[in-house]
Amino acid sequence: MSDTFRALVIEDQDGKQKATFKDLTLSDLPDEDVLVEVSYSTLNYKDGLAVCGKGIARRLPMVGGVDLAGTVLESASDEFKPGDKVIVNGFGLSELHWGGYSQKQRLSSDWLIKLPDAFTGQEAMSVGTAGYTSMLCVLALEKAGVTPDKGEVLVTGAAGGVGSFAVALLAKLGYTVVASSGRAETHDYLKKLGAASVISREETIGKGRTFGKERWAGAIDSVGSSILAAVIGQMKYGGAVAAVGLAGGTDLPTSVLPFILRGVSLLGVDSVMASKAIRKEAWDRLATDLDKSLFADMITVEPMSNLPALAEQILKGQIKGRVVIDVNA
């Protein structure tokens, strides 16, 4: 086992959070019960905020990366043994606990689940928090009674990580998917993923009314703010919106009318602290409902050394699909 390994560490520099590459040793790692040799991580919007020093890390120093896949090297837990392939999504990684942008990491056994047989480590990180969150949204819509026969389902922020997987999963399950994107150049990509049609951000907002014409049977929103408000106002009677993102802002300028006159449900979806049972349900469904052949159009694999530039790009909305980070490249 090498004495040192590489990690992207966020530290306080002159009162600001700054990420730099450092060589660490095992003694630098947190005091958790499972040591993992990391193979892959991912780039999510939250990772972009952390790497660019936007105050996501609530403890310093911090290692970024909300996802990781790797192999257990040492374990004090009866649940895992050396050689087990494992993954982690969320649980405060990169905020409260050190995350996946490190070639080795110590993690709590409470956060780990075993890598599903259907996926390699790289494939699991191709799914990552984005795909896993999308599956949680699909499960939420199903449990709210949104079935393919009810009508069109809208996906906002469709060219991003969560949106891309939401389009692909819903299409595979037989839904008529309308993808909303602010980038015209992504329309062909979204249709390849299964979108029946693609609309612009402006068309999604429409006239900006909080209570408009009924259109959507269901929706998955990763944008928030005025986009989410407009979508809620366009829901059909008894429709449901799974809300999972805030790229457009944390405010929600809506009214009670869609909720009390149309029985619309707003379903908050949290991927960070979901229980192991819910995580396993989501990953079991991903194993059967996700067409892995789509990875060729959705996924880019990048070396960890490119993270600073990639983080800036994702915050500017310049990343299409998913970026997998090879921490050993």
Protein backbone atom coordinates (compact mmCIF):
# COMPACT_ATOMS: atom_id res chain seq x y z
CA MET A 1 0.00 0.00 0.00
CA SER A 2 1.48 3.33 -1.09
CA ASP A 3 2.48 5.68 1.74
CA THR A 4 1.00 8.72 0.02
CA PHE A 5 -1.95 9.34 -2.29
CA ARG A 6 -3.50 12.28 -4.10
CA ALA A 7 -6.59 14.22 -3.02
CA LEU A 8 -8.31 17.52 -3.79
CA VAL A 9 -8.46 19.31 -0.44
CA ILE A 10 -10.57 22.39 0.33
CA GLU A 11 -8.97 24.68 2.91
CA ASP A 12 -9.30 28.18 4.29
CA GLN A 13 -6.95 30.57 2.53
CA ASP A 14 -7.20 34.21 3.63
CA GLY A 15 -10.80 33.78 4.73
CA LYS A 16 -11.92 32.03 1.55
CA GLN A 17 -12.39 28.36 0.70
CA LYS A 18 -9.89 27.17 -1.89
CA ALA A 19 -9.34 23.69 -3.38
CA THR A 20 -5.82 22.46 -4.07
CA PHE A 21 -4.28 19.07 -4.85
CA LYS A 22 -2.28 17.55 -2.00
CA ASP A 23 -0.44 14.35 -1.16
CA LEU A 24 -1.97 12.72 1.93
CA THR A 25 -1.18 9.72 4.12
CA LEU A 26 -3.56 7.33 5.87
CA SER A 27 -3.03 9.21 9.13
CA ASP A 28 -4.64 12.28 7.50
CA LEU A 29 -7.93 10.46 6.84
CA PRO A 30 -11.01 10.66 9.10
CA ASP A 31 -11.53 8.17 11.92
CA GLU A 32 -14.17 5.93 10.28
CA ASP A 33 -14.53 2.14 10.26
CA VAL A 34 -13.97 1.27 6.56
CA LEU A 35 -10.92 2.15 4.46
CA VAL A 36 -11.69 2.25 0.72
CA GLU A 37 -9.38 2.41 -2.27
CA VAL A 38 -11.30 4.81 -4.48
CA SER A 39 -11.51 4.19 -8.23
CA TYR A 40 -14.06 6.71 -9.47
CA SER A 41 -16.05 9.71 -8.32
CA THR A 42 -18.33 12.14 -10.18
CA LEU A 43 -18.97 15.82 -10.85
CA ASN A 44 -22.32 17.19 -9.65
CA TYR A 45 -23.54 20.79 -9.32
CA LYS A 46 -22.86 20.62 -5.58
CA ASP A 47 -19.31 19.44 -6.33
CA GLY A 48 -18.85 22.46 -8.56
CA LEU A 49 -19.85 24.74 -5.70
CA ALA A 50 -17.45 22.99 -3.31
CA VAL A 51 -14.45 23.00 -5.66
CA CYS A 52 -15.01 26.66 -6.56
CA GLY A 53 -15.07 27.63 -2.88
CA LYS A 54 -18.74 28.62 -2.72
CA GLY A 55 -19.08 27.75 0.96
CA ILE A 56 -20.55 24.24 0.67
CA ALA A 57 -17.90 22.71 2.95
CA ARG A 58 -19.05 23.21 6.53
CA ARG A 59 -15.85 21.83 8.03
CA LEU A 60 -12.32 22.53 6.91
CA PRO A 61 -10.13 21.00 5.69
CA MET A 62 -12.52 19.05 3.45
CA VAL A 63 -12.12 16.61 0.57
CA GLY A 64 -14.79 17.15 -2.09
CA GLY A 65 -16.78 14.59 -4.07
CA VAL A 66 -20.31 13.56 -3.06
CA ASP A 67 -19.99 10.17 -4.80
CA LEU A 68 -17.41 7.41 -4.86
CA ALA A 69 -16.91 3.83 -5.97
CA GLY A 70 -14.06 1.65 -4.80
CA THR A 71 -12.79 -1.46 -3.08
CA VAL A 72 -12.63 -2.09 0.67
CA LEU A 73 -9.04 -2.34 1.93
CA GLU A 74 -9.74 -2.58 5.67
CA SER A 75 -12.96 -2.90 7.66
CA ALA A 76 -13.92 -2.90 11.32
CA SER A 77 -17.54 -3.55 10.32
CA ASP A 78 -19.14 -7.00 10.09
CA GLU A 79 -21.09 -5.77 7.04
CA PHE A 80 -18.03 -5.31 4.80
CA LYS A 81 -14.77 -7.17 4.24
CA PRO A 82 -11.59 -6.45 2.25
CA GLY A 83 -12.20 -6.91 -1.45
CA ASP A 84 -15.87 -5.83 -1.35
CA LYS A 85 -16.85 -3.40 -4.10
CA VAL A 86 -18.78 -0.49 -2.59
CA ILE A 87 -20.40 2.82 -3.49
CA VAL A 88 -21.49 5.93 -1.58
CA ASN A 89 -23.89 8.68 -2.66
CA GLY A 90 -24.39 11.72 -0.46
CA PHE A 91 -24.54 11.39 3.35
CA GLY A 92 -22.90 14.81 3.66
CA LEU A 93 -19.75 13.91 1.72
CA SER A 94 -17.89 17.11 0.73
CA GLU A 95 -19.97 19.10 3.25
CA LEU A 96 -19.55 17.42 6.64
CA HIS A 97 -17.46 14.36 5.73
CA TRP A 98 -14.51 13.79 3.42
CA GLY A 99 -15.56 12.60 -0.02
CA GLY A 100 -14.51 10.92 -3.22
CA TYR A 101 -11.83 13.21 -4.64
CA SER A 102 -9.12 11.13 -3.01
CA GLN A 103 -7.39 7.92 -4.04
CA LYS A 104 -8.10 6.48 -0.57
CA GLN A 105 -10.82 7.37 1.89
CA ARG A 106 -12.12 6.26 5.29
CA LEU A 107 -15.92 6.11 5.48
CA SER A 108 -18.61 5.00 7.88
CA SER A 109 -20.10 1.59 7.11
CA ASP A 110 -23.50 3.23 7.64
CA TRP A 111 -23.02 5.19 4.39
CA LEU A 112 -21.81 2.34 2.18
CA ILE A 113 -23.80 -0.06 0.06
CA LYS A 114 -22.33 -2.92 -1.93
CA LEU A 115 -21.87 -2.30 -5.63
CA PRO A 116 -24.84 -3.89 -7.46
CA ASP A 117 -23.82 -6.83 -9.65
CA ALA A 118 -25.33 -5.08 -12.69
CA PHE A 119 -22.71 -2.31 -12.62
CA THR A 120 -18.95 -1.86 -12.74
CA GLY A 121 -17.49 0.88 -10.57
CA GLN A 122 -17.25 3.23 -13.54
CA GLU A 123 -20.83 2.47 -14.57
CA ALA A 124 -22.07 3.07 -11.02
CA MET A 125 -20.39 6.47 -11.04
CA SER A 126 -21.81 7.10 -14.51
CA VAL A 127 -25.12 6.82 -12.68
CA GLY A 128 -23.87 8.51 -9.50
CA THR A 129 -25.95 10.83 -7.38
CA ALA A 130 -27.62 12.22 -10.51
CA GLY A 131 -28.99 8.90 -11.75
CA TYR A 132 -29.78 7.63 -8.27
CA THR A 133 -31.65 10.88 -7.52
CA SER A 134 -33.54 10.62 -10.81
CA MET A 135 -34.65 7.12 -9.84
CA LEU A 136 -35.85 8.43 -6.47
CA CYS A 137 -37.92 11.00 -8.39
CA VAL A 138 -39.40 8.32 -10.65
CA LEU A 139 -40.30 6.22 -7.60
CA ALA A 140 -41.94 9.28 -6.01
CA LEU A 141 -44.08 9.92 -9.11
CA GLU A 142 -45.08 6.24 -9.29
CA LYS A 143 -46.10 6.24 -5.63
CA ALA A 144 -48.14 9.41 -6.26
CA GLY A 145 -50.10 7.58 -8.98
CA VAL A 146 -48.49 9.16 -12.05
CA THR A 147 -48.65 6.41 -14.68
CA PRO A 148 -47.79 6.55 -18.41
CA ASP A 149 -51.45 6.63 -19.44
CA LYS A 150 -52.10 9.87 -17.50
CA GLY A 151 -50.37 12.10 -20.08
CA GLU A 152 -47.12 13.95 -20.74
CA VAL A 153 -44.43 14.16 -18.08
CA LEU A 154 -42.10 17.16 -18.08
CA VAL A 155 -38.41 17.11 -17.13
CA THR A 156 -36.80 20.50 -16.50
CA GLY A 157 -33.07 21.13 -16.64
CA ALA A 158 -33.18 18.10 -18.89
CA ALA A 159 -29.65 18.30 -20.30
CA GLY A 160 -28.04 18.18 -16.86
CA GLY A 161 -27.12 15.04 -14.95
CA VAL A 162 -30.40 14.52 -13.09
CA GLY A 163 -32.45 15.61 -16.07
CA SER A 164 -30.65 13.34 -18.53
CA PHE A 165 -31.28 10.26 -16.42
CA ALA A 166 -34.87 11.30 -15.71
CA VAL A 167 -35.57 11.53 -19.45
CA ALA A 168 -33.96 8.14 -20.13
CA LEU A 169 -35.66 6.34 -17.23
CA LEU A 170 -39.13 7.74 -17.87
CA ALA A 171 -38.92 6.98 -21.59
CA LYS A 172 -37.83 3.39 -20.92
CA LEU A 173 -40.81 2.99 -18.57
CA GLY A 174 -43.23 4.07 -21.29
CA TYR A 175 -43.93 7.69 -20.35
CA THR A 176 -44.31 10.41 -22.98
CA VAL A 177 -41.46 12.69 -21.93
CA VAL A 178 -41.20 16.38 -22.75
CA ALA A 179 -37.73 17.75 -22.01
CA SER A 180 -37.19 21.39 -21.08
CA SER A 181 -33.75 22.86 -21.73
CA GLY A 182 -32.26 26.33 -21.94
CA ARG A 183 -29.73 25.19 -24.54
CA ALA A 184 -30.91 24.66 -28.12
CA GLU A 185 -27.81 22.60 -28.95
CA THR A 186 -28.95 19.83 -26.57
CA HIS A 187 -32.22 19.02 -28.36
CA ASP A 188 -30.87 16.15 -30.48
CA TYR A 189 -29.11 14.70 -27.44
CA LEU A 190 -32.34 14.73 -25.42
CA LYS A 191 -34.30 13.06 -28.21
CA LYS A 192 -31.65 10.32 -28.33
CA LEU A 193 -32.29 9.73 -24.63
CA GLY A 194 -35.98 9.22 -25.34
CA ALA A 195 -37.65 12.63 -25.16
CA ALA A 196 -40.74 12.76 -27.39
CA SER A 197 -40.28 16.52 -27.73
CA VAL A 198 -38.09 19.31 -26.40
CA ILE A 199 -39.22 22.79 -25.34
CA SER A 200 -37.25 25.89 -24.43
CA ARG A 201 -36.96 27.38 -20.97
CA GLU A 202 -39.12 30.30 -22.17
CA GLU A 203 -41.86 27.96 -23.36
CA THR A 204 -41.73 26.16 -20.00
CA ILE A 205 -42.36 29.39 -18.13
CA GLY A 206 -45.02 30.48 -20.63
CA LYS A 207 -46.73 33.65 -19.47
CA GLY A 208 -45.30 33.22 -15.99
CA ARG A 209 -48.67 32.57 -14.38
CA THR A 210 -48.85 30.73 -11.09
CA PHE A 211 -52.07 29.10 -12.30
CA GLY A 212 -52.24 28.35 -16.01
CA LYS A 213 -53.63 25.87 -18.51
CA GLU A 214 -53.42 22.18 -17.51
CA ARG A 215 -50.72 20.30 -19.41
CA TRP A 216 -48.52 17.94 -17.40
CA ALA A 217 -49.52 14.71 -15.65
CA GLY A 218 -46.21 14.72 -13.77
CA ALA A 219 -42.89 16.47 -13.70
CA ILE A 220 -39.35 16.14 -12.40
CA ASP A 221 -37.78 19.52 -11.66
CA SER A 222 -34.11 20.15 -10.93
CA VAL A 223 -34.21 23.93 -11.41
CA GLY A 224 -36.52 25.42 -8.78
CA SER A 225 -37.59 29.08 -8.54
CA SER A 226 -39.77 30.51 -11.35
CA ILE A 227 -39.43 27.35 -13.48
CA LEU A 228 -40.83 25.14 -10.72
CA ALA A 229 -43.55 27.69 -9.98
CA ALA A 230 -44.63 27.73 -13.63
CA VAL A 231 -44.63 23.92 -13.82
CA ILE A 232 -46.80 23.62 -10.70
CA GLY A 233 -49.30 26.03 -12.30
CA GLN A 234 -49.48 23.88 -15.45
CA MET A 235 -50.15 20.54 -13.76
CA LYS A 236 -53.21 18.49 -14.60
CA TYR A 237 -55.74 17.68 -11.91
CA GLY A 238 -54.15 15.22 -9.46
CA GLY A 239 -50.71 15.64 -11.00
CA ALA A 240 -47.44 15.54 -9.07
CA VAL A 241 -44.09 17.30 -9.31
CA ALA A 242 -40.92 15.75 -7.87
CA ALA A 243 -38.67 18.66 -6.88
CA VAL A 244 -34.99 17.96 -6.43
CA GLY A 245 -32.87 20.96 -7.44
CA LEU A 246 -32.20 24.64 -7.02
CA ALA A 247 -29.96 25.61 -9.92
CA GLY A 248 -32.37 28.44 -10.75
CA GLY A 249 -32.76 29.65 -7.17
CA THR A 250 -34.20 28.69 -3.80
CA ASP A 251 -37.31 30.87 -3.98
CA LEU A 252 -40.70 29.52 -5.07
CA PRO A 253 -43.02 32.30 -6.34
CA THR A 254 -46.22 30.26 -6.57
CA SER A 255 -49.73 30.32 -5.08
CA VAL A 256 -51.97 27.85 -3.29
CA LEU A 257 -54.36 27.60 -6.27
CA PRO A 258 -52.82 24.55 -8.01
CA PHE A 259 -52.80 22.68 -4.71
CA ILE A 260 -56.34 23.43 -3.55
CA LEU A 261 -58.15 23.59 -6.91
CA ARG A 262 -56.37 20.80 -8.79
CA GLY A 263 -55.05 18.61 -5.98
CA VAL A 264 -51.48 18.98 -7.24
CA SER A 265 -48.77 17.31 -5.13
CA LEU A 266 -45.30 18.80 -4.65
CA LEU A 267 -42.96 15.94 -3.75
CA GLY A 268 -39.66 16.89 -2.16
CA VAL A 269 -36.94 14.36 -3.00
CA ASP A 270 -33.80 14.14 -0.86
CA SER A 271 -30.98 11.90 -2.01
CA VAL A 272 -28.43 12.84 0.66
CA MET A 273 -29.85 11.23 3.79
CA ALA A 274 -32.17 8.61 2.28
CA SER A 275 -32.17 5.32 4.19
CA LYS A 276 -30.27 2.25 3.02
CA ALA A 277 -33.59 0.55 2.22
CA ILE A 278 -34.62 3.36 -0.12
CA ARG A 279 -31.15 3.49 -1.68
CA LYS A 280 -31.20 -0.25 -2.38
CA GLU A 281 -34.69 0.03 -3.88
CA ALA A 282 -33.48 2.80 -6.19
CA TRP A 283 -30.33 0.93 -7.24
CA ASP A 284 -32.31 -2.30 -7.79
CA ARG A 285 -34.62 -0.41 -10.12
CA LEU A 286 -31.69 1.24 -11.91
CA ALA A 287 -30.28 -2.23 -12.57
CA THR A 288 -33.45 -3.19 -14.45
CA ASP A 289 -34.82 0.11 -15.80
CA LEU A 290 -31.70 1.91 -17.03
CA ASP A 291 -30.48 1.25 -20.56
CA LYS A 292 -26.70 1.29 -20.12
CA SER A 293 -26.17 1.64 -23.87
CA LEU A 294 -27.12 5.30 -23.36
CA PHE A 295 -23.91 5.88 -21.42
CA ALA A 296 -22.08 6.44 -24.70
CA ASP A 297 -24.09 9.63 -25.29
CA MET A 298 -24.38 10.72 -21.65
CA ILE A 299 -20.99 10.11 -20.05
CA THR A 300 -17.56 11.73 -20.19
CA VAL A 301 -14.67 10.30 -18.13
CA GLU A 302 -12.15 12.91 -16.97
CA PRO A 303 -8.99 12.74 -14.85
CA MET A 304 -9.13 14.24 -11.35
CA SER A 305 -6.57 16.84 -12.44
CA ASN A 306 -9.27 18.52 -14.61
CA LEU A 307 -11.66 19.09 -11.69
CA PRO A 308 -10.99 22.83 -11.13
CA ALA A 309 -11.84 23.69 -14.75
CA LEU A 310 -14.79 21.27 -14.86
CA ALA A 311 -16.23 22.73 -11.65
CA GLU A 312 -16.36 26.19 -13.20
CA GLN A 313 -18.02 24.79 -16.31
CA ILE A 314 -20.81 23.02 -14.42
CA LEU A 315 -21.64 26.19 -12.48
CA LYS A 316 -21.95 28.05 -15.79
CA GLY A 317 -24.31 25.39 -17.18
CA GLN A 318 -21.75 24.25 -19.74
CA ILE A 319 -21.71 20.53 -18.84
CA LYS A 320 -23.92 18.14 -20.81
CA GLY A 321 -24.87 14.82 -19.24
CA ARG A 322 -22.57 13.24 -16.67
CA VAL A 323 -18.88 13.57 -15.87
CA VAL A 324 -17.15 10.61 -14.21
CA ILE A 325 -13.91 11.43 -12.39
CA ASP A 326 -11.09 8.88 -12.58
CA VAL A 327 -9.24 9.66 -9.35
CA ASN A 328 -6.21 7.63 -10.43
CA ALA A 329 -5.75 9.24 -13.85
